Amino acid sequence: METYTNSRVEPVAGPGEASATLPAGLEALAAAVAELAGDDLGDLGDVSLAEQVVGVRRLLDQAEAGWLRLLAAADARGAGGAERGVAAPTAGWLRAGCRMSPA
């Protein structure tokens, strides 16, 4: 079994950039994030700004829950590194692919 050792990370594109590294099905989410990043916050009133702060936090929590669900499934299957054709322990795969700390 090959061990995952490549620490090179393919960045997800910034606002207005195309991304060839996003998995299929995440295009709409990437577009929404890019649009949010490009918003001129000076155009928002205080009420709208406060509502967006709370709304985005709620959406982030939901996205985090979805990520944890995906992570649990990948870990249970031993799928770490599969996107690169290698087998890797989940923790090492996350450190390399997501720039996560060992903690």
PDB file of N, CA and C in Angstrom:
ATOM      1  N   MET A   1       0.836  -1.169   0.000  1.00  0.00           N
ATOM      2  CA  MET A   1       0.000   0.000   0.000  1.00  0.00           C
ATOM      3  C   MET A   1       0.888   1.241   0.000  1.00  0.00           C
ATOM      4  N   GLU A   2       0.581   2.187  -0.884  1.00  0.00           N
ATOM      5  CA  GLU A   2       1.353   3.421  -0.985  1.00  0.00           C
ATOM      6  C   GLU A   2       0.912   4.392   0.095  1.00  0.00           C
ATOM      7  N   THR A   3       1.834   5.122   0.656  1.00  0.00           N
ATOM      8  CA  THR A   3       1.524   6.094   1.698  1.00  0.00           C
ATOM      9  C   THR A   3       1.458   7.479   1.097  1.00  0.00           C
ATOM     10  N   TYR A   4       0.525   8.266   1.545  1.00  0.00           N
ATOM     11  CA  TYR A   4       0.329   9.623   1.063  1.00  0.00           C
ATOM     12  C   TYR A   4       1.368  10.528   1.708  1.00  0.00           C
ATOM     13  N   THR A   5       2.230  11.109   0.900  1.00  0.00           N
ATOM     14  CA  THR A   5       3.270  11.984   1.444  1.00  0.00           C
ATOM     15  C   THR A   5       3.312  13.345   0.770  1.00  0.00           C
ATOM     16  N   ASN A   6       2.584  13.536  -0.293  1.00  0.00           N
ATOM     17  CA  ASN A   6       2.616  14.799  -1.011  1.00  0.00           C
ATOM     18  C   ASN A   6       1.894  15.870  -0.210  1.00  0.00           C
ATOM     19  N   SER A   7       2.593  16.921   0.172  1.00  0.00           N
ATOM     20  CA  SER A   7       1.965  17.977   0.954  1.00  0.00           C
ATOM     21  C   SER A   7       1.553  19.163   0.097  1.00  0.00           C
ATOM     22  N   ARG A   8       1.701  19.061  -1.220  1.00  0.00           N
ATOM     23  CA  ARG A   8       1.285  20.145  -2.099  1.00  0.00           C
ATOM     24  C   ARG A   8      -0.234  20.257  -2.068  1.00  0.00           C
ATOM     25  N   VAL A   9      -0.736  21.458  -1.910  1.00  0.00           N
ATOM     26  CA  VAL A   9      -2.165  21.682  -1.828  1.00  0.00           C
ATOM     27  C   VAL A   9      -2.610  22.457  -3.052  1.00  0.00           C
ATOM     28  N   GLU A  10      -3.650  21.985  -3.689  1.00  0.00           N
ATOM     29  CA  GLU A  10      -4.233  22.694  -4.819  1.00  0.00           C
ATOM     30  C   GLU A  10      -5.254  23.673  -4.263  1.00  0.00           C
ATOM     31  N   PRO A  11      -5.028  24.965  -4.402  1.00  0.00           N
ATOM     32  CA  PRO A  11      -5.964  25.923  -3.813  1.00  0.00           C
ATOM     33  C   PRO A  11      -7.284  25.968  -4.566  1.00  0.00           C
ATOM     34  N   VAL A  12      -8.343  26.244  -3.832  1.00  0.00           N
ATOM     35  CA  VAL A  12      -9.629  26.516  -4.457  1.00  0.00           C
ATOM     36  C   VAL A  12      -9.542  27.954  -4.929  1.00  0.00           C
ATOM     37  N   ALA A  13     -10.101  28.218  -6.080  1.00  0.00           N
ATOM     38  CA  ALA A  13      -9.976  29.539  -6.685  1.00  0.00           C
ATOM     39  C   ALA A  13     -10.585  30.625  -5.816  1.00  0.00           C
ATOM     40  N   GLY A  14     -10.013  31.800  -5.943  1.00  0.00           N
ATOM     41  CA  GLY A  14     -10.541  32.964  -5.263  1.00  0.00           C
ATOM     42  C   GLY A  14     -11.711  33.549  -6.040  1.00  0.00           C
ATOM     43  N   PRO A  15     -12.265  34.649  -5.566  1.00  0.00           N
ATOM     44  CA  PRO A  15     -13.399  35.267  -6.240  1.00  0.00           C
ATOM     45  C   PRO A  15     -13.106  35.570  -7.701  1.00  0.00           C
ATOM     46  N   GLY A  16     -14.011  35.163  -8.562  1.00  0.00           N
ATOM     47  CA  GLY A  16     -13.880  35.449  -9.982  1.00  0.00           C
ATOM     48  C   GLY A  16     -12.934  34.532 -10.739  1.00  0.00           C
ATOM     49  N   GLU A  17     -12.324  33.558 -10.065  1.00  0.00           N
ATOM     50  CA  GLU A  17     -11.402  32.643 -10.731  1.00  0.00           C
ATOM     51  C   GLU A  17     -12.066  31.290 -10.935  1.00  0.00           C
ATOM     52  N   ALA A  18     -11.736  30.634 -12.029  1.00  0.00           N
ATOM     53  CA  ALA A  18     -12.236  29.285 -12.271  1.00  0.00           C
ATOM     54  C   ALA A  18     -11.409  28.305 -11.452  1.00  0.00           C
ATOM     55  N   SER A  19     -12.034  27.208 -11.068  1.00  0.00           N
ATOM     56  CA  SER A  19     -11.315  26.208 -10.289  1.00  0.00           C
ATOM     57  C   SER A  19     -11.451  24.847 -10.941  1.00  0.00           C
ATOM     58  N   ALA A  20     -10.319  24.229 -11.228  1.00  0.00           N
ATOM     59  CA  ALA A  20     -10.336  22.878 -11.769  1.00  0.00           C
ATOM     60  C   ALA A  20     -10.201  21.853 -10.660  1.00  0.00           C
ATOM     61  N   THR A  21     -10.018  22.303  -9.414  1.00  0.00           N
ATOM     62  CA  THR A  21      -9.790  21.377  -8.322  1.00  0.00           C
ATOM     63  C   THR A  21     -11.034  21.110  -7.491  1.00  0.00           C
ATOM     64  N   LEU A  22     -12.118  21.802  -7.743  1.00  0.00           N
ATOM     65  CA  LEU A  22     -13.342  21.573  -6.989  1.00  0.00           C
ATOM     66  C   LEU A  22     -14.017  20.291  -7.454  1.00  0.00           C
ATOM     67  N   PRO A  23     -14.436  19.454  -6.516  1.00  0.00           N
ATOM     68  CA  PRO A  23     -15.189  18.263  -6.907  1.00  0.00           C
ATOM     69  C   PRO A  23     -16.516  18.650  -7.554  1.00  0.00           C
ATOM     70  N   ALA A  24     -16.985  17.804  -8.439  1.00  0.00           N
ATOM     71  CA  ALA A  24     -18.261  18.043  -9.115  1.00  0.00           C
ATOM     72  C   ALA A  24     -19.363  18.224  -8.081  1.00  0.00           C
ATOM     73  N   GLY A  25     -20.300  19.095  -8.373  1.00  0.00           N
ATOM     74  CA  GLY A  25     -21.432  19.316  -7.489  1.00  0.00           C
ATOM     75  C   GLY A  25     -21.250  20.478  -6.531  1.00  0.00           C
ATOM     76  N   LEU A  26     -20.042  21.042  -6.453  1.00  0.00           N
ATOM     77  CA  LEU A  26     -19.809  22.145  -5.530  1.00  0.00           C
ATOM     78  C   LEU A  26     -19.722  23.495  -6.239  1.00  0.00           C
ATOM     79  N   GLU A  27     -20.013  23.520  -7.513  1.00  0.00           N
ATOM     80  CA  GLU A  27     -19.892  24.751  -8.286  1.00  0.00           C
ATOM     81  C   GLU A  27     -20.809  25.849  -7.755  1.00  0.00           C
ATOM     82  N   ALA A  28     -22.055  25.504  -7.421  1.00  0.00           N
ATOM     83  CA  ALA A  28     -23.004  26.508  -6.941  1.00  0.00           C
ATOM     84  C   ALA A  28     -22.547  27.087  -5.600  1.00  0.00           C
ATOM     85  N   LEU A  29     -22.024  26.238  -4.742  1.00  0.00           N
ATOM     86  CA  LEU A  29     -21.518  26.713  -3.453  1.00  0.00           C
ATOM     87  C   LEU A  29     -20.324  27.639  -3.665  1.00  0.00           C
ATOM     88  N   ALA A  30     -19.426  27.256  -4.557  1.00  0.00           N
ATOM     89  CA  ALA A  30     -18.255  28.087  -4.847  1.00  0.00           C
ATOM     90  C   ALA A  30     -18.680  29.436  -5.422  1.00  0.00           C
ATOM     91  N   ALA A  31     -19.681  29.434  -6.286  1.00  0.00           N
ATOM     92  CA  ALA A  31     -20.159  30.688  -6.865  1.00  0.00           C
ATOM     93  C   ALA A  31     -20.780  31.579  -5.789  1.00  0.00           C
ATOM     94  N   ALA A  32     -21.536  30.996  -4.873  1.00  0.00           N
ATOM     95  CA  ALA A  32     -22.155  31.770  -3.802  1.00  0.00           C
ATOM     96  C   ALA A  32     -21.090  32.358  -2.879  1.00  0.00           C
ATOM     97  N   VAL A  33     -20.064  31.592  -2.567  1.00  0.00           N
ATOM     98  CA  VAL A  33     -18.982  32.085  -1.719  1.00  0.00           C
ATOM     99  C   VAL A  33     -18.236  33.214  -2.423  1.00  0.00           C
ATOM    100  N   ALA A  34     -17.980  33.059  -3.708  1.00  0.00           N
ATOM    101  CA  ALA A  34     -17.297  34.105  -4.471  1.00  0.00           C
ATOM    102  C   ALA A  34     -18.134  35.383  -4.517  1.00  0.00           C
ATOM    103  N   GLU A  35     -19.437  35.234  -4.680  1.00  0.00           N
ATOM    104  CA  GLU A  35     -20.315  36.405  -4.706  1.00  0.00           C
ATOM    105  C   GLU A  35     -20.311  37.106  -3.347  1.00  0.00           C
ATOM    106  N   LEU A  36     -20.372  36.332  -2.286  1.00  0.00           N
ATOM    107  CA  LEU A  36     -20.348  36.894  -0.940  1.00  0.00           C
ATOM    108  C   LEU A  36     -19.034  37.645  -0.689  1.00  0.00           C
ATOM    109  N   ALA A  37     -17.937  37.069  -1.123  1.00  0.00           N
ATOM    110  CA  ALA A  37     -16.623  37.693  -0.932  1.00  0.00           C
ATOM    111  C   ALA A  37     -16.504  38.996  -1.718  1.00  0.00           C
ATOM    112  N   GLY A  38     -17.239  39.103  -2.799  1.00  0.00           N
ATOM    113  CA  GLY A  38     -17.164  40.293  -3.633  1.00  0.00           C
ATOM    114  C   GLY A  38     -18.138  41.392  -3.260  1.00  0.00           C
ATOM    115  N   ASP A  39     -19.024  41.126  -2.305  1.00  0.00           N
ATOM    116  CA  ASP A  39     -20.007  42.131  -1.902  1.00  0.00           C
ATOM    117  C   ASP A  39     -19.323  43.360  -1.308  1.00  0.00           C
ATOM    118  N   ASP A  40     -19.853  44.526  -1.628  1.00  0.00           N
ATOM    119  CA  ASP A  40     -19.366  45.774  -1.039  1.00  0.00           C
ATOM    120  C   ASP A  40     -20.136  45.989   0.258  1.00  0.00           C
ATOM    121  N   LEU A  41     -19.478  45.764   1.377  1.00  0.00           N
ATOM    122  CA  LEU A  41     -20.141  45.853   2.676  1.00  0.00           C
ATOM    123  C   LEU A  41     -20.545  47.270   3.032  1.00  0.00           C
ATOM    124  N   GLY A  42     -19.936  48.249   2.392  1.00  0.00           N
ATOM    125  CA  GLY A  42     -20.308  49.640   2.622  1.00  0.00           C
ATOM    126  C   GLY A  42     -21.708  49.954   2.128  1.00  0.00           C
ATOM    127  N   ASP A  43     -22.215  49.132   1.207  1.00  0.00           N
ATOM    128  CA  ASP A  43     -23.564  49.342   0.674  1.00  0.00           C
ATOM    129  C   ASP A  43     -24.650  48.812   1.601  1.00  0.00           C
ATOM    130  N   LEU A  44     -24.279  48.041   2.624  1.00  0.00           N
ATOM    131  CA  LEU A  44     -25.261  47.440   3.520  1.00  0.00           C
ATOM    132  C   LEU A  44     -25.565  48.359   4.697  1.00  0.00           C
ATOM    133  N   GLY A  45     -26.837  48.437   5.038  1.00  0.00           N
ATOM    134  CA  GLY A  45     -27.216  49.123   6.264  1.00  0.00           C
ATOM    135  C   GLY A  45     -26.865  48.243   7.459  1.00  0.00           C
ATOM    136  N   ASP A  46     -26.960  48.812   8.652  1.00  0.00           N
ATOM    137  CA  ASP A  46     -26.599  48.066   9.858  1.00  0.00           C
ATOM    138  C   ASP A  46     -27.460  46.825  10.055  1.00  0.00           C
ATOM    139  N   VAL A  47     -28.758  46.942   9.806  1.00  0.00           N
ATOM    140  CA  VAL A  47     -29.661  45.799   9.991  1.00  0.00           C
ATOM    141  C   VAL A  47     -29.294  44.687   9.015  1.00  0.00           C
ATOM    142  N   SER A  48     -29.099  45.032   7.756  1.00  0.00           N
ATOM    143  CA  SER A  48     -28.730  44.029   6.756  1.00  0.00           C
ATOM    144  C   SER A  48     -27.384  43.395   7.072  1.00  0.00           C
ATOM    145  N   LEU A  49     -26.443  44.207   7.500  1.00  0.00           N
ATOM    146  CA  LEU A  49     -25.121  43.686   7.856  1.00  0.00           C
ATOM    147  C   LEU A  49     -25.226  42.695   9.008  1.00  0.00           C
ATOM    148  N   ALA A  50     -25.958  43.063  10.055  1.00  0.00           N
ATOM    149  CA  ALA A  50     -26.125  42.176  11.209  1.00  0.00           C
ATOM    150  C   ALA A  50     -26.841  40.889  10.808  1.00  0.00           C
ATOM    151  N   GLU A  51     -27.868  41.009   9.973  1.00  0.00           N
ATOM    152  CA  GLU A  51     -28.596  39.820   9.511  1.00  0.00           C
ATOM    153  C   GLU A  51     -27.683  38.903   8.704  1.00  0.00           C
ATOM    154  N   GLN A  52     -26.818  39.487   7.881  1.00  0.00           N
ATOM    155  CA  GLN A  52     -25.907  38.670   7.088  1.00  0.00           C
ATOM    156  C   GLN A  52     -24.868  37.987   7.960  1.00  0.00           C
ATOM    157  N   VAL A  53     -24.385  38.671   8.986  1.00  0.00           N
ATOM    158  CA  VAL A  53     -23.422  38.049   9.903  1.00  0.00           C
ATOM    159  C   VAL A  53     -24.035  36.798  10.520  1.00  0.00           C
ATOM    160  N   VAL A  54     -25.255  36.916  11.035  1.00  0.00           N
ATOM    161  CA  VAL A  54     -25.920  35.778  11.670  1.00  0.00           C
ATOM    162  C   VAL A  54     -26.262  34.706  10.631  1.00  0.00           C
ATOM    163  N   GLY A  55     -26.750  35.123   9.479  1.00  0.00           N
ATOM    164  CA  GLY A  55     -27.123  34.163   8.437  1.00  0.00           C
ATOM    165  C   GLY A  55     -25.948  33.365   7.906  1.00  0.00           C
ATOM    166  N   VAL A  56     -24.831  34.040   7.670  1.00  0.00           N
ATOM    167  CA  VAL A  56     -23.640  33.344   7.177  1.00  0.00           C
ATOM    168  C   VAL A  56     -23.116  32.374   8.229  1.00  0.00           C
ATOM    169  N   ARG A  57     -23.138  32.782   9.497  1.00  0.00           N
ATOM    170  CA  ARG A  57     -22.678  31.873  10.559  1.00  0.00           C
ATOM    171  C   ARG A  57     -23.530  30.607  10.592  1.00  0.00           C
ATOM    172  N   ARG A  58     -24.842  30.752  10.446  1.00  0.00           N
ATOM    173  CA  ARG A  58     -25.738  29.588  10.433  1.00  0.00           C
ATOM    174  C   ARG A  58     -25.428  28.683   9.240  1.00  0.00           C
ATOM    175  N   LEU A  59     -25.191  29.287   8.095  1.00  0.00           N
ATOM    176  CA  LEU A  59     -24.848  28.495   6.914  1.00  0.00           C
ATOM    177  C   LEU A  59     -23.504  27.796   7.078  1.00  0.00           C
ATOM    178  N   LEU A  60     -22.544  28.492   7.689  1.00  0.00           N
ATOM    179  CA  LEU A  60     -21.244  27.858   7.955  1.00  0.00           C
ATOM    180  C   LEU A  60     -21.403  26.656   8.876  1.00  0.00           C
ATOM    181  N   ASP A  61     -22.254  26.781   9.884  1.00  0.00           N
ATOM    182  CA  ASP A  61     -22.496  25.654  10.787  1.00  0.00           C
ATOM    183  C   ASP A  61     -23.099  24.472  10.029  1.00  0.00           C
ATOM    184  N   GLN A  62     -24.026  24.754   9.129  1.00  0.00           N
ATOM    185  CA  GLN A  62     -24.636  23.688   8.327  1.00  0.00           C
ATOM    186  C   GLN A  62     -23.605  23.061   7.390  1.00  0.00           C
ATOM    187  N   ALA A  63     -22.757  23.900   6.799  1.00  0.00           N
ATOM    188  CA  ALA A  63     -21.709  23.375   5.923  1.00  0.00           C
ATOM    189  C   ALA A  63     -20.730  22.527   6.718  1.00  0.00           C
ATOM    190  N   GLU A  64     -20.393  22.962   7.916  1.00  0.00           N
ATOM    191  CA  GLU A  64     -19.494  22.202   8.785  1.00  0.00           C
ATOM    192  C   GLU A  64     -20.093  20.842   9.127  1.00  0.00           C
ATOM    193  N   ALA A  65     -21.391  20.810   9.390  1.00  0.00           N
ATOM    194  CA  ALA A  65     -22.059  19.540   9.668  1.00  0.00           C
ATOM    195  C   ALA A  65     -21.981  18.619   8.450  1.00  0.00           C
ATOM    196  N   GLY A  66     -22.175  19.184   7.270  1.00  0.00           N
ATOM    197  CA  GLY A  66     -22.053  18.394   6.044  1.00  0.00           C
ATOM    198  C   GLY A  66     -20.640  17.882   5.848  1.00  0.00           C
ATOM    199  N   TRP A  67     -19.642  18.720   6.156  1.00  0.00           N
ATOM    200  CA  TRP A  67     -18.242  18.320   6.032  1.00  0.00           C
ATOM    201  C   TRP A  67     -17.926  17.178   6.993  1.00  0.00           C
ATOM    202  N   LEU A  68     -18.415  17.280   8.221  1.00  0.00           N
ATOM    203  CA  LEU A  68     -18.165  16.220   9.194  1.00  0.00           C
ATOM    204  C   LEU A  68     -18.818  14.903   8.771  1.00  0.00           C
ATOM    205  N   ARG A  69     -19.980  14.987   8.160  1.00  0.00           N
ATOM    206  CA  ARG A  69     -20.650  13.787   7.647  1.00  0.00           C
ATOM    207  C   ARG A  69     -19.817  13.136   6.540  1.00  0.00           C
ATOM    208  N   LEU A  70     -19.320  13.952   5.629  1.00  0.00           N
ATOM    209  CA  LEU A  70     -18.456  13.445   4.556  1.00  0.00           C
ATOM    210  C   LEU A  70     -17.169  12.866   5.113  1.00  0.00           C
ATOM    211  N   LEU A  71     -16.579  13.557   6.075  1.00  0.00           N
ATOM    212  CA  LEU A  71     -15.340  13.103   6.681  1.00  0.00           C
ATOM    213  C   LEU A  71     -15.527  11.754   7.372  1.00  0.00           C
ATOM    214  N   ALA A  72     -16.626  11.599   8.105  1.00  0.00           N
ATOM    215  CA  ALA A  72     -16.889  10.330   8.786  1.00  0.00           C
ATOM    216  C   ALA A  72     -17.010   9.192   7.785  1.00  0.00           C
ATOM    217  N   ALA A  73     -17.673   9.450   6.666  1.00  0.00           N
ATOM    218  CA  ALA A  73     -17.817   8.416   5.640  1.00  0.00           C
ATOM    219  C   ALA A  73     -16.469   8.088   5.003  1.00  0.00           C
ATOM    220  N   ALA A  74     -15.666   9.118   4.712  1.00  0.00           N
ATOM    221  CA  ALA A  74     -14.344   8.884   4.111  1.00  0.00           C
ATOM    222  C   ALA A  74     -13.441   8.116   5.069  1.00  0.00           C
ATOM    223  N   ASP A  75     -13.493   8.476   6.342  1.00  0.00           N
ATOM    224  CA  ASP A  75     -12.674   7.787   7.338  1.00  0.00           C
ATOM    225  C   ASP A  75     -13.112   6.332   7.491  1.00  0.00           C
ATOM    226  N   ALA A  76     -14.416   6.099   7.541  1.00  0.00           N
ATOM    227  CA  ALA A  76     -14.936   4.735   7.700  1.00  0.00           C
ATOM    228  C   ALA A  76     -14.540   3.838   6.524  1.00  0.00           C
ATOM    229  N   ARG A  77     -14.467   4.417   5.340  1.00  0.00           N
ATOM    230  CA  ARG A  77     -14.090   3.652   4.146  1.00  0.00           C
ATOM    231  C   ARG A  77     -12.584   3.567   3.940  1.00  0.00           C
ATOM    232  N   GLY A  78     -11.827   4.373   4.683  1.00  0.00           N
ATOM    233  CA  GLY A  78     -10.391   4.431   4.442  1.00  0.00           C
ATOM    234  C   GLY A  78     -10.073   5.086   3.117  1.00  0.00           C
ATOM    235  N   ALA A  79     -10.858   6.099   2.771  1.00  0.00           N
ATOM    236  CA  ALA A  79     -10.744   6.738   1.456  1.00  0.00           C
ATOM    237  C   ALA A  79      -9.726   7.869   1.403  1.00  0.00           C
ATOM    238  N   GLY A  80      -9.015   8.145   2.493  1.00  0.00           N
ATOM    239  CA  GLY A  80      -8.026   9.213   2.493  1.00  0.00           C
ATOM    240  C   GLY A  80      -6.987   9.009   1.408  1.00  0.00           C
ATOM    241  N   GLY A  81      -6.792  10.021   0.580  1.00  0.00           N
ATOM    242  CA  GLY A  81      -5.818   9.954  -0.505  1.00  0.00           C
ATOM    243  C   GLY A  81      -6.357   9.386  -1.800  1.00  0.00           C
ATOM    244  N   ALA A  82      -7.588   8.899  -1.797  1.00  0.00           N
ATOM    245  CA  ALA A  82      -8.149   8.263  -2.995  1.00  0.00           C
ATOM    246  C   ALA A  82      -8.197   9.213  -4.190  1.00  0.00           C
ATOM    247  N   GLU A  83      -8.345  10.515  -3.930  1.00  0.00           N
ATOM    248  CA  GLU A  83      -8.408  11.480  -5.042  1.00  0.00           C
ATOM    249  C   GLU A  83      -7.078  11.576  -5.773  1.00  0.00           C
ATOM    250  N   ARG A  84      -6.015  11.094  -5.152  1.00  0.00           N
ATOM    251  CA  ARG A  84      -4.686  11.078  -5.768  1.00  0.00           C
ATOM    252  C   ARG A  84      -4.217   9.662  -6.070  1.00  0.00           C
ATOM    253  N   GLY A  85      -5.100   8.693  -5.869  1.00  0.00           N
ATOM    254  CA  GLY A  85      -4.759   7.320  -6.191  1.00  0.00           C
ATOM    255  C   GLY A  85      -3.845   6.647  -5.181  1.00  0.00           C
ATOM    256  N   VAL A  86      -3.853   7.132  -3.946  1.00  0.00           N
ATOM    257  CA  VAL A  86      -3.017   6.540  -2.901  1.00  0.00           C
ATOM    258  C   VAL A  86      -3.874   6.265  -1.669  1.00  0.00           C
ATOM    259  N   ALA A  87      -3.359   5.437  -0.778  1.00  0.00           N
ATOM    260  CA  ALA A  87      -4.023   5.186   0.498  1.00  0.00           C
ATOM    261  C   ALA A  87      -3.286   5.967   1.580  1.00  0.00           C
ATOM    262  N   ALA A  88      -4.036   6.601   2.454  1.00  0.00           N
ATOM    263  CA  ALA A  88      -3.414   7.414   3.498  1.00  0.00           C
ATOM    264  C   ALA A  88      -4.249   7.363   4.760  1.00  0.00           C
ATOM    265  N   PRO A  89      -3.590   7.445   5.908  1.00  0.00           N
ATOM    266  CA  PRO A  89      -4.365   7.600   7.143  1.00  0.00           C
ATOM    267  C   PRO A  89      -5.131   8.921   7.080  1.00  0.00           C
ATOM    268  N   THR A  90      -6.323   8.931   7.610  1.00  0.00           N
ATOM    269  CA  THR A  90      -7.175  10.115   7.521  1.00  0.00           C
ATOM    270  C   THR A  90      -6.498  11.361   8.088  1.00  0.00           C
ATOM    271  N   ALA A  91      -5.864  11.245   9.244  1.00  0.00           N
ATOM    272  CA  ALA A  91      -5.247  12.421   9.875  1.00  0.00           C
ATOM    273  C   ALA A  91      -4.147  13.016   8.993  1.00  0.00           C
ATOM    274  N   GLY A  92      -3.285  12.182   8.442  1.00  0.00           N
ATOM    275  CA  GLY A  92      -2.214  12.670   7.576  1.00  0.00           C
ATOM    276  C   GLY A  92      -2.753  13.264   6.293  1.00  0.00           C
ATOM    277  N   TRP A  93      -3.769  12.643   5.760  1.00  0.00           N
ATOM    278  CA  TRP A  93      -4.416  13.128   4.539  1.00  0.00           C
ATOM    279  C   TRP A  93      -5.002  14.518   4.769  1.00  0.00           C
ATOM    280  N   LEU A  94      -5.657  14.719   5.912  1.00  0.00           N
ATOM    281  CA  LEU A  94      -6.235  16.035   6.217  1.00  0.00           C
ATOM    282  C   LEU A  94      -5.150  17.081   6.439  1.00  0.00           C
ATOM    283  N   ARG A  95      -4.076  16.689   7.131  1.00  0.00           N
ATOM    284  CA  ARG A  95      -2.976  17.643   7.337  1.00  0.00           C
ATOM    285  C   ARG A  95      -2.409  18.100   5.994  1.00  0.00           C
ATOM    286  N   ALA A  96      -2.198  17.165   5.097  1.00  0.00           N
ATOM    287  CA  ALA A  96      -1.600  17.507   3.800  1.00  0.00           C
ATOM    288  C   ALA A  96      -2.588  18.204   2.875  1.00  0.00           C
ATOM    289  N   GLY A  97      -3.781  17.696   2.758  1.00  0.00           N
ATOM    290  CA  GLY A  97      -4.733  18.214   1.780  1.00  0.00           C
ATOM    291  C   GLY A  97      -5.510  19.423   2.222  1.00  0.00           C
ATOM    292  N   CYS A  98      -5.662  19.592   3.533  1.00  0.00           N
ATOM    293  CA  CYS A  98      -6.461  20.706   4.054  1.00  0.00           C
ATOM    294  C   CYS A  98      -5.660  21.658   4.921  1.00  0.00           C
ATOM    295  N   ARG A  99      -4.357  21.437   4.966  1.00  0.00           N
ATOM    296  CA  ARG A  99      -3.460  22.266   5.780  1.00  0.00           C
ATOM    297  C   ARG A  99      -3.915  22.347   7.234  1.00  0.00           C
ATOM    298  N   MET A 100      -4.311  21.202   7.766  1.00  0.00           N
ATOM    299  CA  MET A 100      -4.750  21.143   9.158  1.00  0.00           C
ATOM    300  C   MET A 100      -3.573  20.805  10.053  1.00  0.00           C
ATOM    301  N   SER A 101      -3.622  21.298  11.253  1.00  0.00           N
ATOM    302  CA  SER A 101      -2.547  21.011  12.208  1.00  0.00           C
ATOM    303  C   SER A 101      -2.776  19.634  12.830  1.00  0.00           C
ATOM    304  N   PRO A 102      -1.734  19.045  13.391  1.00  0.00           N
ATOM    305  CA  PRO A 102      -1.913  17.761  14.071  1.00  0.00           C
ATOM    306  C   PRO A 102      -2.887  17.844  15.246  1.00  0.00           C
ATOM    307  N   ALA A 103      -3.015  19.021  15.820  1.00  0.00           N
ATOM    308  CA  ALA A 103      -3.942  19.183  16.946  1.00  0.00           C
ATOM    309  C   ALA A 103      -5.371  19.137  16.439  1.00  0.00           C
TER     310      ALA A 103
END
